[in-house]
C-alpha cells in the first residue's frame, strides 16, 4: 500500500469508533476504509478491488452519477462478479466526494478528540 493510500485509510479508520461516533457511522466508515485499503495497483494508473460492501457500491454509483465520473471509475456487479476499477484521479476524487458528505462527522470526531 502506498503512503498516500495509507493516509486516506487512516482518515476513515479514525471514524471507526462506535462508542463516540455511533455504531452505524462506525460501520460505514470501516467499510469505506476497507475499500480504500483493498484497492490494489493493477497496471498503468489503474487500481482495482473486489472487496466492497453494498454501502460502498451505492456511494460509488452516487459518485458516478453526481460527478459524471463514469470514465474514471468503473463498477461491475453481476451475479458472480463484483469489481471496481479506477484511476488515481478517481481514487482521490471519490475520497474527496465522500469526505464532503461526511464533513459533519469529521468535525464531530475532531471535537471529541478522535
PDB file of N, CA and C in Angstrom:
ATOM      1  N   UNK A   1       0.847  -1.170   0.000  1.00  0.00           N
ATOM      2  CA  UNK A   1       0.000   0.000   0.000  1.00  0.00           C
ATOM      3  C   UNK A   1       0.895   1.236   0.000  1.00  0.00           C
ATOM      4  N   UNK A   2       0.529   2.194  -0.825  1.00  0.00           N
ATOM      5  CA  UNK A   2       1.318   3.402  -0.948  1.00  0.00           C
ATOM      6  C   UNK A   2       1.017   4.355   0.201  1.00  0.00           C
ATOM      7  N   UNK A   3       1.927   5.292   0.452  1.00  0.00           N
ATOM      8  CA  UNK A   3       1.794   6.198   1.583  1.00  0.00           C
ATOM      9  C   UNK A   3       0.519   7.027   1.495  1.00  0.00           C
ATOM     10  N   UNK A   4       0.221   7.588   0.330  1.00  0.00           N
ATOM     11  CA  UNK A   4      -0.982   8.409   0.204  1.00  0.00           C
ATOM     12  C   UNK A   4      -2.238   7.577   0.420  1.00  0.00           C
ATOM     13  N   UNK A   5      -2.166   6.302   0.087  1.00  0.00           N
ATOM     14  CA  UNK A   5      -3.296   5.413   0.313  1.00  0.00           C
ATOM     15  C   UNK A   5      -3.470   5.160   1.811  1.00  0.00           C
ATOM     16  N   UNK A   6      -2.368   5.002   2.532  1.00  0.00           N
ATOM     17  CA  UNK A   6      -2.432   4.818   3.980  1.00  0.00           C
ATOM     18  C   UNK A   6      -3.041   6.020   4.678  1.00  0.00           C
ATOM     19  N   UNK A   7      -2.718   7.218   4.193  1.00  0.00           N
ATOM     20  CA  UNK A   7      -3.277   8.439   4.778  1.00  0.00           C
ATOM     21  C   UNK A   7      -4.798   8.442   4.643  1.00  0.00           C
ATOM     22  N   UNK A   8      -5.289   8.081   3.481  1.00  0.00           N
ATOM     23  CA  UNK A   8      -6.734   8.042   3.248  1.00  0.00           C
ATOM     24  C   UNK A   8      -7.384   6.977   4.135  1.00  0.00           C
ATOM     25  N   UNK A   9      -6.790   5.801   4.210  1.00  0.00           N
ATOM     26  CA  UNK A   9      -7.344   4.719   5.029  1.00  0.00           C
ATOM     27  C   UNK A   9      -7.375   5.139   6.493  1.00  0.00           C
ATOM     28  N   UNK A  10      -6.299   5.733   6.983  1.00  0.00           N
ATOM     29  CA  UNK A  10      -6.251   6.148   8.386  1.00  0.00           C
ATOM     30  C   UNK A  10      -7.279   7.229   8.692  1.00  0.00           C
ATOM     31  N   UNK A  11      -7.538   8.113   7.728  1.00  0.00           N
ATOM     32  CA  UNK A  11      -8.549   9.151   7.918  1.00  0.00           C
ATOM     33  C   UNK A  11      -9.912   8.516   8.179  1.00  0.00           C
ATOM     34  N   UNK A  12     -10.250   7.481   7.402  1.00  0.00           N
ATOM     35  CA  UNK A  12     -11.548   6.826   7.581  1.00  0.00           C
ATOM     36  C   UNK A  12     -11.567   5.927   8.806  1.00  0.00           C
ATOM     37  N   UNK A  13     -10.417   5.342   9.160  1.00  0.00           N
ATOM     38  CA  UNK A  13     -10.350   4.487  10.355  1.00  0.00           C
ATOM     39  C   UNK A  13     -10.585   5.299  11.635  1.00  0.00           C
ATOM     40  N   UNK A  14     -10.254   6.577  11.600  1.00  0.00           N
ATOM     41  CA  UNK A  14     -10.491   7.430  12.773  1.00  0.00           C
ATOM     42  C   UNK A  14     -11.957   7.422  13.180  1.00  0.00           C
ATOM     43  N   UNK A  15     -12.841   7.353  12.215  1.00  0.00           N
ATOM     44  CA  UNK A  15     -14.273   7.385  12.498  1.00  0.00           C
ATOM     45  C   UNK A  15     -14.828   6.034  12.922  1.00  0.00           C
ATOM     46  N   UNK A  16     -14.000   5.011  12.911  1.00  0.00           N
ATOM     47  CA  UNK A  16     -14.424   3.660  13.271  1.00  0.00           C
ATOM     48  C   UNK A  16     -14.367   3.498  14.796  1.00  0.00           C
ATOM     49  N   UNK A  17     -15.165   4.299  15.489  1.00  0.00           N
ATOM     50  CA  UNK A  17     -15.263   4.253  16.939  1.00  0.00           C
ATOM     51  C   UNK A  17     -16.744   4.311  17.289  1.00  0.00           C
ATOM     52  N   UNK A  18     -17.332   3.155  17.491  1.00  0.00           N
ATOM     53  CA  UNK A  18     -18.770   3.063  17.688  1.00  0.00           C
ATOM     54  C   UNK A  18     -19.282   3.762  18.925  1.00  0.00           C
ATOM     55  N   UNK A  19     -18.471   3.817  19.979  1.00  0.00           N
ATOM     56  CA  UNK A  19     -18.924   4.441  21.220  1.00  0.00           C
ATOM     57  C   UNK A  19     -19.057   5.951  21.083  1.00  0.00           C
ATOM     58  N   UNK A  20     -18.193   6.564  20.290  1.00  0.00           N
ATOM     59  CA  UNK A  20     -18.236   8.016  20.123  1.00  0.00           C
ATOM     60  C   UNK A  20     -19.086   8.403  18.918  1.00  0.00           C
ATOM     61  N   UNK A  21     -18.860   7.739  17.807  1.00  0.00           N
ATOM     62  CA  UNK A  21     -19.495   8.134  16.548  1.00  0.00           C
ATOM     63  C   UNK A  21     -20.867   7.486  16.323  1.00  0.00           C
ATOM     64  N   UNK A  22     -21.155   6.451  17.068  1.00  0.00           N
ATOM     65  CA  UNK A  22     -22.370   5.680  16.822  1.00  0.00           C
ATOM     66  C   UNK A  22     -22.006   4.475  15.972  1.00  0.00           C
ATOM     67  N   UNK A  23     -22.656   3.377  16.210  1.00  0.00           N
ATOM     68  CA  UNK A  23     -22.251   2.126  15.574  1.00  0.00           C
ATOM     69  C   UNK A  23     -22.540   2.086  14.078  1.00  0.00           C
ATOM     70  N   UNK A  24     -23.588   2.747  13.630  1.00  0.00           N
ATOM     71  CA  UNK A  24     -23.886   2.760  12.193  1.00  0.00           C
ATOM     72  C   UNK A  24     -22.857   3.593  11.432  1.00  0.00           C
ATOM     73  N   UNK A  25     -22.496   4.743  11.969  1.00  0.00           N
ATOM     74  CA  UNK A  25     -21.473   5.586  11.339  1.00  0.00           C
ATOM     75  C   UNK A  25     -20.139   4.859  11.338  1.00  0.00           C
ATOM     76  N   UNK A  26     -19.807   4.221  12.443  1.00  0.00           N
ATOM     77  CA  UNK A  26     -18.546   3.480  12.537  1.00  0.00           C
ATOM     78  C   UNK A  26     -18.495   2.346  11.519  1.00  0.00           C
ATOM     79  N   UNK A  27     -19.608   1.644  11.337  1.00  0.00           N
ATOM     80  CA  UNK A  27     -19.650   0.544  10.369  1.00  0.00           C
ATOM     81  C   UNK A  27     -19.415   1.052   8.957  1.00  0.00           C
ATOM     82  N   UNK A  28     -20.079   2.138   8.590  1.00  0.00           N
ATOM     83  CA  UNK A  28     -19.920   2.681   7.246  1.00  0.00           C
ATOM     84  C   UNK A  28     -18.508   3.223   7.035  1.00  0.00           C
ATOM     85  N   UNK A  29     -17.944   3.859   8.038  1.00  0.00           N
ATOM     86  CA  UNK A  29     -16.568   4.360   7.932  1.00  0.00           C
ATOM     87  C   UNK A  29     -15.594   3.193   7.785  1.00  0.00           C
ATOM     88  N   UNK A  30     -15.832   2.109   8.509  1.00  0.00           N
ATOM     89  CA  UNK A  30     -14.977   0.916   8.397  1.00  0.00           C
ATOM     90  C   UNK A  30     -15.070   0.322   6.998  1.00  0.00           C
ATOM     91  N   UNK A  31     -16.274   0.300   6.429  1.00  0.00           N
ATOM     92  CA  UNK A  31     -16.447  -0.233   5.082  1.00  0.00           C
ATOM     93  C   UNK A  31     -15.719   0.628   4.055  1.00  0.00           C
ATOM     94  N   UNK A  32     -15.757   1.946   4.220  1.00  0.00           N
ATOM     95  CA  UNK A  32     -15.014   2.829   3.321  1.00  0.00           C
ATOM     96  C   UNK A  32     -13.511   2.629   3.482  1.00  0.00           C
ATOM     97  N   UNK A  33     -13.044   2.522   4.717  1.00  0.00           N
ATOM     98  CA  UNK A  33     -11.618   2.305   4.961  1.00  0.00           C
ATOM     99  C   UNK A  33     -11.165   0.978   4.354  1.00  0.00           C
ATOM    100  N   UNK A  34     -11.952  -0.062   4.535  1.00  0.00           N
ATOM    101  CA  UNK A  34     -11.611  -1.368   3.957  1.00  0.00           C
ATOM    102  C   UNK A  34     -11.553  -1.297   2.433  1.00  0.00           C
ATOM    103  N   UNK A  35     -12.480  -0.550   1.842  1.00  0.00           N
ATOM    104  CA  UNK A  35     -12.481  -0.397   0.390  1.00  0.00           C
ATOM    105  C   UNK A  35     -11.210   0.295  -0.083  1.00  0.00           C
ATOM    106  N   UNK A  36     -10.882   1.437   0.518  1.00  0.00           N
ATOM    107  CA  UNK A  36      -9.683   2.168   0.103  1.00  0.00           C
ATOM    108  C   UNK A  36      -8.418   1.346   0.342  1.00  0.00           C
ATOM    109  N   UNK A  37      -8.408   0.577   1.425  1.00  0.00           N
ATOM    110  CA  UNK A  37      -7.246  -0.251   1.728  1.00  0.00           C
ATOM    111  C   UNK A  37      -7.093  -1.401   0.737  1.00  0.00           C
ATOM    112  N   UNK A  38      -8.206  -1.915   0.243  1.00  0.00           N
ATOM    113  CA  UNK A  38      -8.143  -3.086  -0.633  1.00  0.00           C
ATOM    114  C   UNK A  38      -7.854  -2.733  -2.087  1.00  0.00           C
ATOM    115  N   UNK A  39      -7.894  -1.457  -2.455  1.00  0.00           N
ATOM    116  CA  UNK A  39      -7.581  -1.090  -3.841  1.00  0.00           C
ATOM    117  C   UNK A  39      -6.109  -1.370  -4.117  1.00  0.00           C
ATOM    118  N   UNK A  40      -5.857  -2.220  -5.066  1.00  0.00           N
ATOM    119  CA  UNK A  40      -4.500  -2.623  -5.426  1.00  0.00           C
ATOM    120  C   UNK A  40      -4.128  -2.070  -6.786  1.00  0.00           C
ATOM    121  N   UNK A  41      -2.860  -1.737  -6.930  1.00  0.00           N
ATOM    122  CA  UNK A  41      -2.356  -1.288  -8.218  1.00  0.00           C
ATOM    123  C   UNK A  41      -2.407  -2.465  -9.186  1.00  0.00           C
ATOM    124  N   UNK A  42      -3.015  -2.258 -10.345  1.00  0.00           N
ATOM    125  CA  UNK A  42      -3.148  -3.328 -11.322  1.00  0.00           C
ATOM    126  C   UNK A  42      -2.182  -3.132 -12.483  1.00  0.00           C
ATOM    127  N   UNK A  43      -2.240  -1.983 -13.110  1.00  0.00           N
ATOM    128  CA  UNK A  43      -1.355  -1.635 -14.213  1.00  0.00           C
ATOM    129  C   UNK A  43      -1.411  -0.128 -14.360  1.00  0.00           C
ATOM    130  N   UNK A  44      -0.793   0.401 -15.356  1.00  0.00           N
ATOM    131  CA  UNK A  44      -0.621   1.837 -15.526  1.00  0.00           C
ATOM    132  C   UNK A  44      -1.807   2.648 -15.002  1.00  0.00           C
ATOM    133  N   UNK A  45      -1.597   3.319 -13.887  1.00  0.00           N
ATOM    134  CA  UNK A  45      -2.569   4.229 -13.270  1.00  0.00           C
ATOM    135  C   UNK A  45      -3.956   3.617 -13.112  1.00  0.00           C
ATOM    136  N   UNK A  46      -4.025   2.345 -12.811  1.00  0.00           N
ATOM    137  CA  UNK A  46      -5.305   1.682 -12.597  1.00  0.00           C
ATOM    138  C   UNK A  46      -5.247   0.868 -11.314  1.00  0.00           C
ATOM    139  N   UNK A  47      -6.253   1.071 -10.484  1.00  0.00           N
ATOM    140  CA  UNK A  47      -6.387   0.352  -9.223  1.00  0.00           C
ATOM    141  C   UNK A  47      -7.684  -0.434  -9.272  1.00  0.00           C
ATOM    142  N   UNK A  48      -7.717  -1.547  -8.588  1.00  0.00           N
ATOM    143  CA  UNK A  48      -8.924  -2.363  -8.607  1.00  0.00           C
ATOM    144  C   UNK A  48      -9.080  -3.179  -7.352  1.00  0.00           C
ATOM    145  N   UNK A  49     -10.311  -3.599  -7.096  1.00  0.00           N
ATOM    146  CA  UNK A  49     -10.608  -4.453  -5.960  1.00  0.00           C
ATOM    147  C   UNK A  49     -11.914  -5.193  -6.194  1.00  0.00           C
ATOM    148  N   UNK A  50     -12.068  -6.256  -5.478  1.00  0.00           N
ATOM    149  CA  UNK A  50     -13.334  -6.991  -5.451  1.00  0.00           C
ATOM    150  C   UNK A  50     -13.921  -6.974  -4.044  1.00  0.00           C
ATOM    151  N   UNK A  51     -13.326  -6.186  -3.179  1.00  0.00           N
ATOM    152  CA  UNK A  51     -13.734  -6.129  -1.781  1.00  0.00           C
ATOM    153  C   UNK A  51     -14.463  -4.813  -1.517  1.00  0.00           C
ATOM    154  N   UNK A  52     -15.790  -4.847  -1.627  1.00  0.00           N
ATOM    155  CA  UNK A  52     -16.566  -3.670  -1.272  1.00  0.00           C
ATOM    156  C   UNK A  52     -17.968  -4.097  -0.862  1.00  0.00           C
ATOM    157  N   UNK A  53     -18.555  -3.300  -0.004  1.00  0.00           N
ATOM    158  CA  UNK A  53     -19.873  -3.610   0.546  1.00  0.00           C
ATOM    159  C   UNK A  53     -20.965  -2.948  -0.295  1.00  0.00           C
ATOM    160  N   UNK A  54     -22.193  -3.234   0.052  1.00  0.00           N
ATOM    161  CA  UNK A  54     -23.310  -2.612  -0.655  1.00  0.00           C
ATOM    162  C   UNK A  54     -23.350  -1.110  -0.387  1.00  0.00           C
ATOM    163  N   UNK A  55     -22.917  -0.683   0.814  1.00  0.00           N
ATOM    164  CA  UNK A  55     -22.866   0.753   1.094  1.00  0.00           C
ATOM    165  C   UNK A  55     -21.858   1.443   0.177  1.00  0.00           C
ATOM    166  N   UNK A  56     -20.685   0.856   0.034  1.00  0.00           N
ATOM    167  CA  UNK A  56     -19.655   1.427  -0.834  1.00  0.00           C
ATOM    168  C   UNK A  56     -20.133   1.410  -2.282  1.00  0.00           C
ATOM    169  N   UNK A  57     -20.786   0.338  -2.680  1.00  0.00           N
ATOM    170  CA  UNK A  57     -21.309   0.274  -4.045  1.00  0.00           C
ATOM    171  C   UNK A  57     -22.293   1.413  -4.304  1.00  0.00           C
ATOM    172  N   UNK A  58     -23.200   1.656  -3.375  1.00  0.00           N
ATOM    173  CA  UNK A  58     -24.167   2.741  -3.572  1.00  0.00           C
ATOM    174  C   UNK A  58     -23.476   4.099  -3.558  1.00  0.00           C
ATOM    175  N   UNK A  59     -22.432   4.254  -2.747  1.00  0.00           N
ATOM    176  CA  UNK A  59     -21.679   5.514  -2.724  1.00  0.00           C
ATOM    177  C   UNK A  59     -20.955   5.730  -4.053  1.00  0.00           C
ATOM    178  N   UNK A  60     -20.391   4.663  -4.609  1.00  0.00           N
ATOM    179  CA  UNK A  60     -19.712   4.770  -5.905  1.00  0.00           C
ATOM    180  C   UNK A  60     -20.707   5.126  -7.002  1.00  0.00           C
ATOM    181  N   UNK A  61     -21.855   4.491  -6.988  1.00  0.00           N
ATOM    182  CA  UNK A  61     -22.862   4.796  -8.005  1.00  0.00           C
ATOM    183  C   UNK A  61     -23.351   6.245  -7.880  1.00  0.00           C
ATOM    184  N   UNK A  62     -23.484   6.745  -6.656  1.00  0.00           N
ATOM    185  CA  UNK A  62     -23.838   8.142  -6.456  1.00  0.00           C
ATOM    186  C   UNK A  62     -22.751   9.072  -6.943  1.00  0.00           C
ATOM    187  N   UNK A  63     -21.502   8.710  -6.670  1.00  0.00           N
ATOM    188  CA  UNK A  63     -20.360   9.497  -7.149  1.00  0.00           C
ATOM    189  C   UNK A  63     -20.349   9.547  -8.673  1.00  0.00           C
ATOM    190  N   UNK A  64     -20.540   8.405  -9.299  1.00  0.00           N
ATOM    191  CA  UNK A  64     -20.548   8.364 -10.760  1.00  0.00           C
ATOM    192  C   UNK A  64     -21.651   9.252 -11.335  1.00  0.00           C
ATOM    193  N   UNK A  65     -22.833   9.165 -10.775  1.00  0.00           N
ATOM    194  CA  UNK A  65     -23.962   9.935 -11.302  1.00  0.00           C
ATOM    195  C   UNK A  65     -23.802  11.430 -11.031  1.00  0.00           C
ATOM    196  N   UNK A  66     -23.416  11.788  -9.842  1.00  0.00           N
ATOM    197  CA  UNK A  66     -23.325  13.205  -9.470  1.00  0.00           C
ATOM    198  C   UNK A  66     -22.129  13.909 -10.088  1.00  0.00           C
ATOM    199  N   UNK A  67     -21.028  13.194 -10.269  1.00  0.00           N
ATOM    200  CA  UNK A  67     -19.801  13.800 -10.774  1.00  0.00           C
ATOM    201  C   UNK A  67     -19.532  13.455 -12.242  1.00  0.00           C
ATOM    202  N   UNK A  68     -20.427  12.688 -12.850  1.00  0.00           N
ATOM    203  CA  UNK A  68     -20.246  12.243 -14.236  1.00  0.00           C
ATOM    204  C   UNK A  68     -18.875  11.581 -14.415  1.00  0.00           C
ATOM    205  N   UNK A  69     -18.535  10.693 -13.499  1.00  0.00           N
ATOM    206  CA  UNK A  69     -17.208  10.063 -13.459  1.00  0.00           C
ATOM    207  C   UNK A  69     -17.256   8.623 -13.943  1.00  0.00           C
ATOM    208  N   UNK A  70     -18.009   8.372 -14.971  1.00  0.00           N
ATOM    209  CA  UNK A  70     -18.126   7.011 -15.484  1.00  0.00           C
ATOM    210  C   UNK A  70     -16.846   6.535 -16.154  1.00  0.00           C
ATOM    211  N   UNK A  71     -16.067   7.451 -16.731  1.00  0.00           N
ATOM    212  CA  UNK A  71     -14.835   7.065 -17.406  1.00  0.00           C
ATOM    213  C   UNK A  71     -13.704   6.781 -16.434  1.00  0.00           C
ATOM    214  N   UNK A  72     -13.707   7.456 -15.288  1.00  0.00           N
ATOM    215  CA  UNK A  72     -12.603   7.335 -14.335  1.00  0.00           C
ATOM    216  C   UNK A  72     -12.784   6.195 -13.340  1.00  0.00           C
ATOM    217  N   UNK A  73     -14.018   5.816 -13.071  1.00  0.00           N
ATOM    218  CA  UNK A  73     -14.280   4.746 -12.111  1.00  0.00           C
ATOM    219  C   UNK A  73     -15.322   3.810 -12.705  1.00  0.00           C
ATOM    220  N   UNK A  74     -14.954   2.554 -12.818  1.00  0.00           N
ATOM    221  CA  UNK A  74     -15.843   1.542 -13.381  1.00  0.00           C
ATOM    222  C   UNK A  74     -16.248   0.581 -12.283  1.00  0.00           C
ATOM    223  N   UNK A  75     -17.521   0.251 -12.247  1.00  0.00           N
ATOM    224  CA  UNK A  75     -18.004  -0.727 -11.281  1.00  0.00           C
ATOM    225  C   UNK A  75     -18.784  -1.790 -12.046  1.00  0.00           C
ATOM    226  N   UNK A  76     -18.486  -3.034 -11.757  1.00  0.00           N
ATOM    227  CA  UNK A  76     -19.157  -4.154 -12.403  1.00  0.00           C
ATOM    228  C   UNK A  76     -19.753  -5.025 -11.312  1.00  0.00           C
ATOM    229  N   UNK A  77     -21.039  -5.189 -11.334  1.00  0.00           N
ATOM    230  CA  UNK A  77     -21.686  -6.091 -10.381  1.00  0.00           C
ATOM    231  C   UNK A  77     -22.660  -6.960 -11.145  1.00  0.00           C
ATOM    232  N   UNK A  78     -22.379  -8.231 -11.139  1.00  0.00           N
ATOM    233  CA  UNK A  78     -23.277  -9.215 -11.727  1.00  0.00           C
ATOM    234  C   UNK A  78     -23.501 -10.287 -10.673  1.00  0.00           C
ATOM    235  N   UNK A  79     -24.118 -11.365 -11.079  1.00  0.00           N
ATOM    236  CA  UNK A  79     -24.399 -12.439 -10.124  1.00  0.00           C
ATOM    237  C   UNK A  79     -23.125 -12.968  -9.463  1.00  0.00           C
ATOM    238  N   UNK A  80     -22.062 -13.142 -10.234  1.00  0.00           N
ATOM    239  CA  UNK A  80     -20.844 -13.735  -9.688  1.00  0.00           C
ATOM    240  C   UNK A  80     -19.605 -12.846  -9.814  1.00  0.00           C
ATOM    241  N   UNK A  81     -19.760 -11.614 -10.269  1.00  0.00           N
ATOM    242  CA  UNK A  81     -18.615 -10.724 -10.438  1.00  0.00           C
ATOM    243  C   UNK A  81     -18.898  -9.387  -9.769  1.00  0.00           C
ATOM    244  N   UNK A  82     -18.028  -9.024  -8.867  1.00  0.00           N
ATOM    245  CA  UNK A  82     -18.095  -7.725  -8.209  1.00  0.00           C
ATOM    246  C   UNK A  82     -16.710  -7.114  -8.336  1.00  0.00           C
ATOM    247  N   UNK A  83     -16.597  -6.026  -9.070  1.00  0.00           N
ATOM    248  CA  UNK A  83     -15.287  -5.472  -9.371  1.00  0.00           C
ATOM    249  C   UNK A  83     -15.388  -3.956  -9.504  1.00  0.00           C
ATOM    250  N   UNK A  84     -14.406  -3.267  -8.945  1.00  0.00           N
ATOM    251  CA  UNK A  84     -14.286  -1.819  -9.107  1.00  0.00           C
ATOM    252  C   UNK A  84     -12.892  -1.542  -9.656  1.00  0.00           C
ATOM    253  N   UNK A  85     -12.815  -0.708 -10.678  1.00  0.00           N
ATOM    254  CA  UNK A  85     -11.532  -0.244 -11.204  1.00  0.00           C
ATOM    255  C   UNK A  85     -11.592   1.267 -11.337  1.00  0.00           C
ATOM    256  N   UNK A  86     -10.498   1.913 -10.972  1.00  0.00           N
ATOM    257  CA  UNK A  86     -10.446   3.367 -11.084  1.00  0.00           C
ATOM    258  C   UNK A  86      -9.007   3.801 -11.315  1.00  0.00           C
ATOM    259  N   UNK A  87      -8.856   5.023 -11.810  1.00  0.00           N
ATOM    260  CA  UNK A  87      -7.514   5.583 -11.930  1.00  0.00           C
ATOM    261  C   UNK A  87      -7.213   6.393 -10.674  1.00  0.00           C
ATOM    262  N   UNK A  88      -6.004   6.896 -10.563  1.00  0.00           N
ATOM    263  CA  UNK A  88      -5.602   7.596  -9.337  1.00  0.00           C
ATOM    264  C   UNK A  88      -6.409   8.872  -9.135  1.00  0.00           C
ATOM    265  N   UNK A  89      -6.817   9.525 -10.222  1.00  0.00           N
ATOM    266  CA  UNK A  89      -7.642  10.723 -10.100  1.00  0.00           C
ATOM    267  C   UNK A  89      -8.971  10.379  -9.436  1.00  0.00           C
ATOM    268  N   UNK A  90      -9.629   9.329  -9.909  1.00  0.00           N
ATOM    269  CA  UNK A  90     -10.917   8.926  -9.346  1.00  0.00           C
ATOM    270  C   UNK A  90     -10.756   8.454  -7.904  1.00  0.00           C
ATOM    271  N   UNK A  91      -9.644   7.813  -7.596  1.00  0.00           N
ATOM    272  CA  UNK A  91      -9.349   7.359  -6.240  1.00  0.00           C
ATOM    273  C   UNK A  91      -9.405   8.553  -5.291  1.00  0.00           C
ATOM    274  N   UNK A  92      -8.672   9.602  -5.625  1.00  0.00           N
ATOM    275  CA  UNK A  92      -8.633  10.792  -4.771  1.00  0.00           C
ATOM    276  C   UNK A  92      -9.937  11.574  -4.828  1.00  0.00           C
ATOM    277  N   UNK A  93     -10.540  11.651  -6.000  1.00  0.00           N
ATOM    278  CA  UNK A  93     -11.772  12.399  -6.147  1.00  0.00           C
ATOM    279  C   UNK A  93     -12.922  11.735  -5.391  1.00  0.00           C
ATOM    280  N   UNK A  94     -12.981  10.413  -5.395  1.00  0.00           N
ATOM    281  CA  UNK A  94     -14.019   9.707  -4.642  1.00  0.00           C
ATOM    282  C   UNK A  94     -13.822   9.929  -3.144  1.00  0.00           C
ATOM    283  N   UNK A  95     -12.579   9.912  -2.697  1.00  0.00           N
ATOM    284  CA  UNK A  95     -12.302  10.198  -1.289  1.00  0.00           C
ATOM    285  C   UNK A  95     -12.779  11.613  -0.938  1.00  0.00           C
ATOM    286  N   UNK A  96     -12.491  12.580  -1.785  1.00  0.00           N
ATOM    287  CA  UNK A  96     -12.919  13.961  -1.549  1.00  0.00           C
ATOM    288  C   UNK A  96     -14.450  14.054  -1.567  1.00  0.00           C
ATOM    289  N   UNK A  97     -15.067  13.398  -2.524  1.00  0.00           N
ATOM    290  CA  UNK A  97     -16.529  13.386  -2.638  1.00  0.00           C
ATOM    291  C   UNK A  97     -17.163  12.861  -1.351  1.00  0.00           C
ATOM    292  N   UNK A  98     -16.660  11.744  -0.849  1.00  0.00           N
ATOM    293  CA  UNK A  98     -17.210  11.168   0.373  1.00  0.00           C
ATOM    294  C   UNK A  98     -16.883  12.022   1.595  1.00  0.00           C
ATOM    295  N   UNK A  99     -15.690  12.597   1.632  1.00  0.00           N
ATOM    296  CA  UNK A  99     -15.293  13.441   2.760  1.00  0.00           C
ATOM    297  C   UNK A  99     -16.196  14.662   2.870  1.00  0.00           C
ATOM    298  N   UNK A 100     -16.584  15.220   1.744  1.00  0.00           N
ATOM    299  CA  UNK A 100     -17.503  16.366   1.759  1.00  0.00           C
ATOM    300  C   UNK A 100     -18.859  15.971   2.337  1.00  0.00           C
ATOM    301  N   UNK A 101     -19.332  14.785   2.024  1.00  0.00           N
ATOM    302  CA  UNK A 101     -20.610  14.324   2.550  1.00  0.00           C
ATOM    303  C   UNK A 101     -20.527  13.931   4.021  1.00  0.00           C
ATOM    304  N   UNK A 102     -19.337  13.604   4.465  1.00  0.00           N
ATOM    305  CA  UNK A 102     -19.117  13.206   5.851  1.00  0.00           C
ATOM    306  C   UNK A 102     -18.500  14.336   6.676  1.00  0.00           C
ATOM    307  N   UNK A 103     -18.482  15.542   6.190  1.00  0.00           N
ATOM    308  CA  UNK A 103     -17.813  16.655   6.870  1.00  0.00           C
ATOM    309  C   UNK A 103     -18.282  16.815   8.316  1.00  0.00           C
ATOM    310  N   UNK A 104     -19.578  16.730   8.566  1.00  0.00           N
ATOM    311  CA  UNK A 104     -20.095  16.896   9.926  1.00  0.00           C
ATOM    312  C   UNK A 104     -19.578  15.804  10.861  1.00  0.00           C
ATOM    313  N   UNK A 105     -19.449  14.587  10.348  1.00  0.00           N
ATOM    314  CA  UNK A 105     -18.911  13.502  11.171  1.00  0.00           C
ATOM    315  C   UNK A 105     -17.442  13.728  11.499  1.00  0.00           C
ATOM    316  N   UNK A 106     -16.683  14.225  10.522  1.00  0.00           N
ATOM    317  CA  UNK A 106     -15.272  14.523  10.786  1.00  0.00           C
ATOM    318  C   UNK A 106     -15.132  15.634  11.821  1.00  0.00           C
ATOM    319  N   UNK A 107     -15.987  16.642  11.736  1.00  0.00           N
ATOM    320  CA  UNK A 107     -15.943  17.739  12.715  1.00  0.00           C
ATOM    321  C   UNK A 107     -16.328  17.235  14.101  1.00  0.00           C
ATOM    322  N   UNK A 108     -17.333  16.379  14.174  1.00  0.00           N
ATOM    323  CA  UNK A 108     -17.741  15.800  15.443  1.00  0.00           C
ATOM    324  C   UNK A 108     -16.604  14.969  16.053  1.00  0.00           C
ATOM    325  N   UNK A 109     -15.938  14.196  15.216  1.00  0.00           N
ATOM    326  CA  UNK A 109     -14.798  13.389  15.676  1.00  0.00           C
ATOM    327  C   UNK A 109     -13.686  14.294  16.198  1.00  0.00           C
ATOM    328  N   UNK A 110     -13.415  15.373  15.493  1.00  0.00           N
ATOM    329  CA  UNK A 110     -12.374  16.313  15.908  1.00  0.00           C
ATOM    330  C   UNK A 110     -12.730  16.946  17.246  1.00  0.00           C
ATOM    331  N   UNK A 111     -13.985  17.332  17.416  1.00  0.00           N
ATOM    332  CA  UNK A 111     -14.429  17.924  18.680  1.00  0.00           C
ATOM    333  C   UNK A 111     -14.349  16.955  19.842  1.00  0.00           C
ATOM    334  N   UNK A 112     -14.442  15.665  19.552  1.00  0.00           N
ATOM    335  CA  UNK A 112     -14.395  14.640  20.600  1.00  0.00           C
ATOM    336  C   UNK A 112     -13.042  13.960  20.727  1.00  0.00           C
ATOM    337  N   UNK A 113     -12.034  14.519  20.075  1.00  0.00           N
ATOM    338  CA  UNK A 113     -10.671  14.054  20.269  1.00  0.00           C
ATOM    339  C   UNK A 113     -10.293  12.756  19.581  1.00  0.00           C
ATOM    340  N   UNK A 114     -11.013  12.396  18.532  1.00  0.00           N
ATOM    341  CA  UNK A 114     -10.590  11.191  17.793  1.00  0.00           C
ATOM    342  C   UNK A 114     -10.267  11.553  16.360  1.00  0.00           C
TER     343      UNK A 114
END
